[in-house]
Amino acid sequence: MKLITANRLFDGAVVFLAAEGWVADIARAAVLNAADAIEAGLAAATRAVADRHVVDVNVIEVTLDAAGLPVPVRLRERIRAFGPTVPFGEAARERLAA
């Protein structure tokens, strides 16, 4: 199973290709299984790059969790989808101070 991911050009946010376009929530991404679906998704992504909506398009491997939601196989992509693996900000300072 695969997803198509990119970075939104105007703010750099990680986005995923969905039926309705580019979304920031991986849970709404289109999970692609067939080669022709992946090719069609890449064609849409190529148009989005040409239209300057996204950059750095990648096809990534995913599995589905118990709830049926996509989870990237590679750690790099998990970090891109779900955020840092370490605490940061005010919550991190509070935990470190305790």
N, C-alpha and C. Protein backbone atom coordinates (compact mmCIF):
# COMPACT_ATOMS: atom_id res chain seq x y z
N MET A 1 0.84 -1.16 0.00
CA MET A 1 0.00 0.00 0.00
C MET A 1 0.89 1.24 0.00
N LYS A 2 0.44 2.23 -0.73
CA LYS A 2 1.25 3.43 -0.89
C LYS A 2 0.40 4.70 -0.77
N LEU A 3 1.08 5.79 -0.44
CA LEU A 3 0.50 7.13 -0.42
C LEU A 3 1.42 8.03 -1.24
N ILE A 4 0.86 9.15 -1.68
CA ILE A 4 1.69 10.17 -2.31
C ILE A 4 1.73 11.35 -1.37
N THR A 5 2.94 11.79 -1.07
CA THR A 5 3.15 12.90 -0.15
C THR A 5 3.98 13.97 -0.83
N ALA A 6 3.91 15.18 -0.28
CA ALA A 6 4.67 16.31 -0.80
C ALA A 6 4.72 17.37 0.29
N ASN A 7 5.32 18.49 -0.04
CA ASN A 7 5.28 19.67 0.83
C ASN A 7 4.52 20.76 0.11
N ARG A 8 3.58 21.37 0.83
CA ARG A 8 2.80 22.47 0.27
C ARG A 8 3.75 23.65 0.08
N LEU A 9 3.72 24.25 -1.08
CA LEU A 9 4.70 25.27 -1.43
C LEU A 9 4.56 26.54 -0.61
N PHE A 10 3.34 26.99 -0.33
CA PHE A 10 3.22 28.30 0.32
C PHE A 10 3.62 28.30 1.78
N ASP A 11 3.59 27.14 2.47
CA ASP A 11 3.99 27.14 3.88
C ASP A 11 4.91 25.98 4.27
N GLY A 12 5.21 25.08 3.34
CA GLY A 12 6.11 23.97 3.61
C GLY A 12 5.50 22.80 4.35
N ALA A 13 4.20 22.87 4.66
CA ALA A 13 3.55 21.79 5.41
C ALA A 13 3.58 20.48 4.64
N VAL A 14 3.70 19.38 5.37
CA VAL A 14 3.61 18.05 4.78
C VAL A 14 2.16 17.81 4.40
N VAL A 15 1.93 17.37 3.16
CA VAL A 15 0.58 17.09 2.69
C VAL A 15 0.54 15.73 2.00
N PHE A 16 -0.67 15.20 1.90
CA PHE A 16 -0.89 13.89 1.30
C PHE A 16 -1.98 14.00 0.25
N LEU A 17 -1.83 13.26 -0.83
CA LEU A 17 -2.83 13.30 -1.89
C LEU A 17 -4.06 12.52 -1.47
N ALA A 18 -5.22 13.17 -1.57
CA ALA A 18 -6.50 12.55 -1.24
C ALA A 18 -7.43 12.73 -2.44
N ALA A 19 -8.58 12.11 -2.38
CA ALA A 19 -9.54 12.23 -3.48
C ALA A 19 -9.91 13.69 -3.73
N GLU A 20 -9.98 14.50 -2.66
CA GLU A 20 -10.38 15.90 -2.80
C GLU A 20 -9.20 16.85 -3.01
N GLY A 21 -7.99 16.32 -3.15
CA GLY A 21 -6.81 17.16 -3.36
C GLY A 21 -5.78 16.90 -2.28
N TRP A 22 -4.99 17.90 -1.96
CA TRP A 22 -3.93 17.76 -0.97
C TRP A 22 -4.46 18.07 0.42
N VAL A 23 -4.18 17.17 1.38
CA VAL A 23 -4.65 17.33 2.75
C VAL A 23 -3.47 17.17 3.71
N ALA A 24 -3.56 17.82 4.87
CA ALA A 24 -2.49 17.74 5.86
C ALA A 24 -2.65 16.54 6.80
N ASP A 25 -3.81 15.93 6.84
CA ASP A 25 -4.09 14.81 7.74
C ASP A 25 -3.91 13.49 6.99
N ILE A 26 -2.93 12.70 7.41
CA ILE A 26 -2.64 11.43 6.74
C ILE A 26 -3.84 10.49 6.78
N ALA A 27 -4.70 10.63 7.77
CA ALA A 27 -5.89 9.76 7.87
C ALA A 27 -6.83 9.97 6.68
N ARG A 28 -6.77 11.13 6.04
CA ARG A 28 -7.64 11.42 4.89
C ARG A 28 -6.98 11.11 3.55
N ALA A 29 -5.73 10.67 3.57
CA ALA A 29 -4.99 10.40 2.33
C ALA A 29 -5.57 9.21 1.58
N ALA A 30 -5.41 9.24 0.27
CA ALA A 30 -5.84 8.12 -0.57
C ALA A 30 -4.79 7.02 -0.49
N VAL A 31 -5.20 5.84 -0.04
CA VAL A 31 -4.30 4.68 0.01
C VAL A 31 -4.39 4.01 -1.35
N LEU A 32 -3.24 3.87 -2.00
CA LEU A 32 -3.19 3.36 -3.37
C LEU A 32 -2.59 1.97 -3.38
N ASN A 33 -3.25 1.05 -4.06
CA ASN A 33 -2.76 -0.32 -4.14
C ASN A 33 -2.33 -0.70 -5.55
N ALA A 34 -3.08 -0.28 -6.54
CA ALA A 34 -2.83 -0.68 -7.91
C ALA A 34 -1.84 0.25 -8.60
N ALA A 35 -1.04 -0.31 -9.49
CA ALA A 35 -0.04 0.48 -10.22
C ALA A 35 -0.68 1.61 -11.00
N ASP A 36 -1.85 1.37 -11.60
CA ASP A 36 -2.48 2.44 -12.38
C ASP A 36 -2.98 3.57 -11.48
N ALA A 37 -3.40 3.25 -10.25
CA ALA A 37 -3.82 4.29 -9.30
C ALA A 37 -2.62 5.12 -8.87
N ILE A 38 -1.49 4.48 -8.67
CA ILE A 38 -0.27 5.20 -8.31
C ILE A 38 0.16 6.11 -9.46
N GLU A 39 0.11 5.60 -10.68
CA GLU A 39 0.46 6.41 -11.85
C GLU A 39 -0.47 7.61 -11.99
N ALA A 40 -1.77 7.41 -11.79
CA ALA A 40 -2.72 8.52 -11.87
C ALA A 40 -2.44 9.54 -10.76
N GLY A 41 -2.12 9.07 -9.57
CA GLY A 41 -1.79 9.96 -8.47
C GLY A 41 -0.53 10.76 -8.75
N LEU A 42 0.47 10.10 -9.34
CA LEU A 42 1.70 10.81 -9.69
C LEU A 42 1.46 11.84 -10.80
N ALA A 43 0.55 11.53 -11.71
CA ALA A 43 0.21 12.50 -12.76
C ALA A 43 -0.44 13.73 -12.14
N ALA A 44 -1.34 13.52 -11.17
CA ALA A 44 -1.97 14.64 -10.48
C ALA A 44 -0.92 15.44 -9.70
N ALA A 45 0.01 14.74 -9.07
CA ALA A 45 1.06 15.41 -8.32
C ALA A 45 1.97 16.21 -9.24
N THR A 46 2.27 15.68 -10.40
CA THR A 46 3.10 16.40 -11.38
C THR A 46 2.42 17.69 -11.81
N ARG A 47 1.11 17.64 -12.01
CA ARG A 47 0.37 18.86 -12.34
C ARG A 47 0.42 19.86 -11.19
N ALA A 48 0.31 19.36 -9.95
CA ALA A 48 0.35 20.24 -8.79
C ALA A 48 1.73 20.90 -8.64
N VAL A 49 2.78 20.17 -8.99
CA VAL A 49 4.13 20.76 -8.98
C VAL A 49 4.22 21.84 -10.06
N ALA A 50 3.73 21.55 -11.25
CA ALA A 50 3.77 22.52 -12.35
C ALA A 50 2.95 23.76 -12.02
N ASP A 51 1.85 23.58 -11.28
CA ASP A 51 1.01 24.70 -10.87
C ASP A 51 1.52 25.40 -9.61
N ARG A 52 2.65 24.94 -9.11
CA ARG A 52 3.32 25.51 -7.93
C ARG A 52 2.48 25.43 -6.66
N HIS A 53 1.81 24.30 -6.49
CA HIS A 53 1.06 24.05 -5.25
C HIS A 53 1.88 23.24 -4.26
N VAL A 54 2.68 22.27 -4.78
CA VAL A 54 3.50 21.41 -3.93
C VAL A 54 4.88 21.23 -4.53
N VAL A 55 5.80 20.75 -3.68
CA VAL A 55 7.15 20.38 -4.11
C VAL A 55 7.53 19.07 -3.42
N ASP A 56 8.60 18.45 -3.88
CA ASP A 56 9.16 17.25 -3.26
C ASP A 56 8.13 16.11 -3.14
N VAL A 57 7.56 15.74 -4.26
CA VAL A 57 6.57 14.65 -4.31
C VAL A 57 7.28 13.30 -4.12
N ASN A 58 6.70 12.46 -3.26
CA ASN A 58 7.23 11.12 -3.01
C ASN A 58 6.10 10.12 -2.87
N VAL A 59 6.35 8.91 -3.33
CA VAL A 59 5.45 7.78 -3.08
C VAL A 59 6.03 7.04 -1.88
N ILE A 60 5.21 6.85 -0.84
CA ILE A 60 5.70 6.18 0.36
C ILE A 60 4.90 4.92 0.64
N GLU A 61 5.56 4.00 1.28
CA GLU A 61 4.94 2.73 1.68
C GLU A 61 4.24 2.91 3.02
N VAL A 62 3.02 2.38 3.14
CA VAL A 62 2.28 2.44 4.40
C VAL A 62 1.67 1.09 4.73
N THR A 63 1.35 0.93 6.00
CA THR A 63 0.52 -0.18 6.45
C THR A 63 -0.72 0.45 7.08
N LEU A 64 -1.68 -0.37 7.42
CA LEU A 64 -2.88 0.14 8.10
C LEU A 64 -2.85 -0.32 9.55
N ASP A 65 -3.19 0.60 10.47
CA ASP A 65 -3.23 0.23 11.88
C ASP A 65 -4.54 -0.50 12.18
N ALA A 66 -4.78 -0.80 13.44
CA ALA A 66 -5.97 -1.56 13.84
C ALA A 66 -7.26 -0.83 13.47
N ALA A 67 -7.21 0.49 13.42
CA ALA A 67 -8.39 1.28 13.07
C ALA A 67 -8.54 1.48 11.57
N GLY A 68 -7.59 0.92 10.79
CA GLY A 68 -7.65 1.06 9.34
C GLY A 68 -7.02 2.34 8.82
N LEU A 69 -6.28 3.06 9.66
CA LEU A 69 -5.65 4.31 9.26
C LEU A 69 -4.23 4.05 8.77
N PRO A 70 -3.77 4.78 7.77
CA PRO A 70 -2.43 4.55 7.23
C PRO A 70 -1.32 4.99 8.19
N VAL A 71 -0.28 4.17 8.26
CA VAL A 71 0.91 4.46 9.06
C VAL A 71 2.13 4.23 8.17
N PRO A 72 2.96 5.25 7.97
CA PRO A 72 4.15 5.07 7.13
C PRO A 72 5.07 3.99 7.68
N VAL A 73 5.70 3.24 6.78
CA VAL A 73 6.61 2.17 7.18
C VAL A 73 7.94 2.76 7.67
N ARG A 74 8.48 3.72 6.96
CA ARG A 74 9.78 4.30 7.32
C ARG A 74 9.62 5.36 8.42
N LEU A 75 10.58 5.36 9.35
CA LEU A 75 10.56 6.31 10.46
C LEU A 75 10.54 7.75 9.95
N ARG A 76 11.33 8.06 8.94
CA ARG A 76 11.36 9.42 8.39
C ARG A 76 9.96 9.89 8.02
N GLU A 77 9.21 9.04 7.38
CA GLU A 77 7.86 9.40 6.95
C GLU A 77 6.88 9.46 8.12
N ARG A 78 7.10 8.63 9.14
CA ARG A 78 6.27 8.73 10.35
C ARG A 78 6.47 10.08 11.02
N ILE A 79 7.72 10.52 11.08
CA ILE A 79 8.01 11.83 11.67
C ILE A 79 7.36 12.93 10.85
N ARG A 80 7.43 12.84 9.53
CA ARG A 80 6.80 13.85 8.68
C ARG A 80 5.28 13.86 8.88
N ALA A 81 4.68 12.68 9.08
CA ALA A 81 3.22 12.58 9.20
C ALA A 81 2.72 12.94 10.59
N PHE A 82 3.46 12.54 11.62
CA PHE A 82 2.94 12.66 12.99
C PHE A 82 3.72 13.61 13.88
N GLY A 83 4.82 14.15 13.41
CA GLY A 83 5.59 15.11 14.19
C GLY A 83 6.80 14.52 14.86
N PRO A 84 7.53 15.36 15.60
CA PRO A 84 8.79 14.95 16.23
C PRO A 84 8.62 13.77 17.18
N THR A 85 9.72 13.05 17.37
CA THR A 85 9.72 11.90 18.27
C THR A 85 10.13 12.29 19.68
N VAL A 86 10.45 13.56 19.88
CA VAL A 86 10.83 14.04 21.21
C VAL A 86 9.90 15.19 21.60
N PRO A 87 9.68 15.39 22.88
CA PRO A 87 8.83 16.51 23.30
C PRO A 87 9.52 17.84 23.04
N PHE A 88 8.75 18.87 22.80
CA PHE A 88 9.31 20.19 22.57
C PHE A 88 8.36 21.24 23.10
N GLY A 89 8.82 22.45 23.17
CA GLY A 89 7.97 23.55 23.60
C GLY A 89 7.76 23.57 25.10
N GLU A 90 6.70 24.24 25.53
CA GLU A 90 6.39 24.42 26.94
C GLU A 90 6.18 23.08 27.66
N ALA A 91 5.51 22.16 27.02
CA ALA A 91 5.27 20.85 27.64
C ALA A 91 6.59 20.13 27.92
N ALA A 92 7.55 20.24 27.01
CA ALA A 92 8.85 19.61 27.21
C ALA A 92 9.60 20.26 28.37
N ARG A 93 9.57 21.58 28.44
CA ARG A 93 10.24 22.28 29.54
C ARG A 93 9.64 21.88 30.89
N GLU A 94 8.34 21.74 30.96
CA GLU A 94 7.69 21.33 32.20
C GLU A 94 8.11 19.91 32.60
N ARG A 95 8.17 18.99 31.61
CA ARG A 95 8.58 17.62 31.91
C ARG A 95 10.02 17.57 32.35
N LEU A 96 10.88 18.35 31.72
CA LEU A 96 12.30 18.34 32.07
C LEU A 96 12.54 18.98 33.43
N ALA A 97 11.71 19.95 33.81
CA ALA A 97 11.87 20.63 35.09
C ALA A 97 11.38 19.77 36.25
N ALA A 98 10.53 18.83 35.99
CA ALA A 98 9.94 18.01 37.06
C ALA A 98 10.93 17.01 37.63
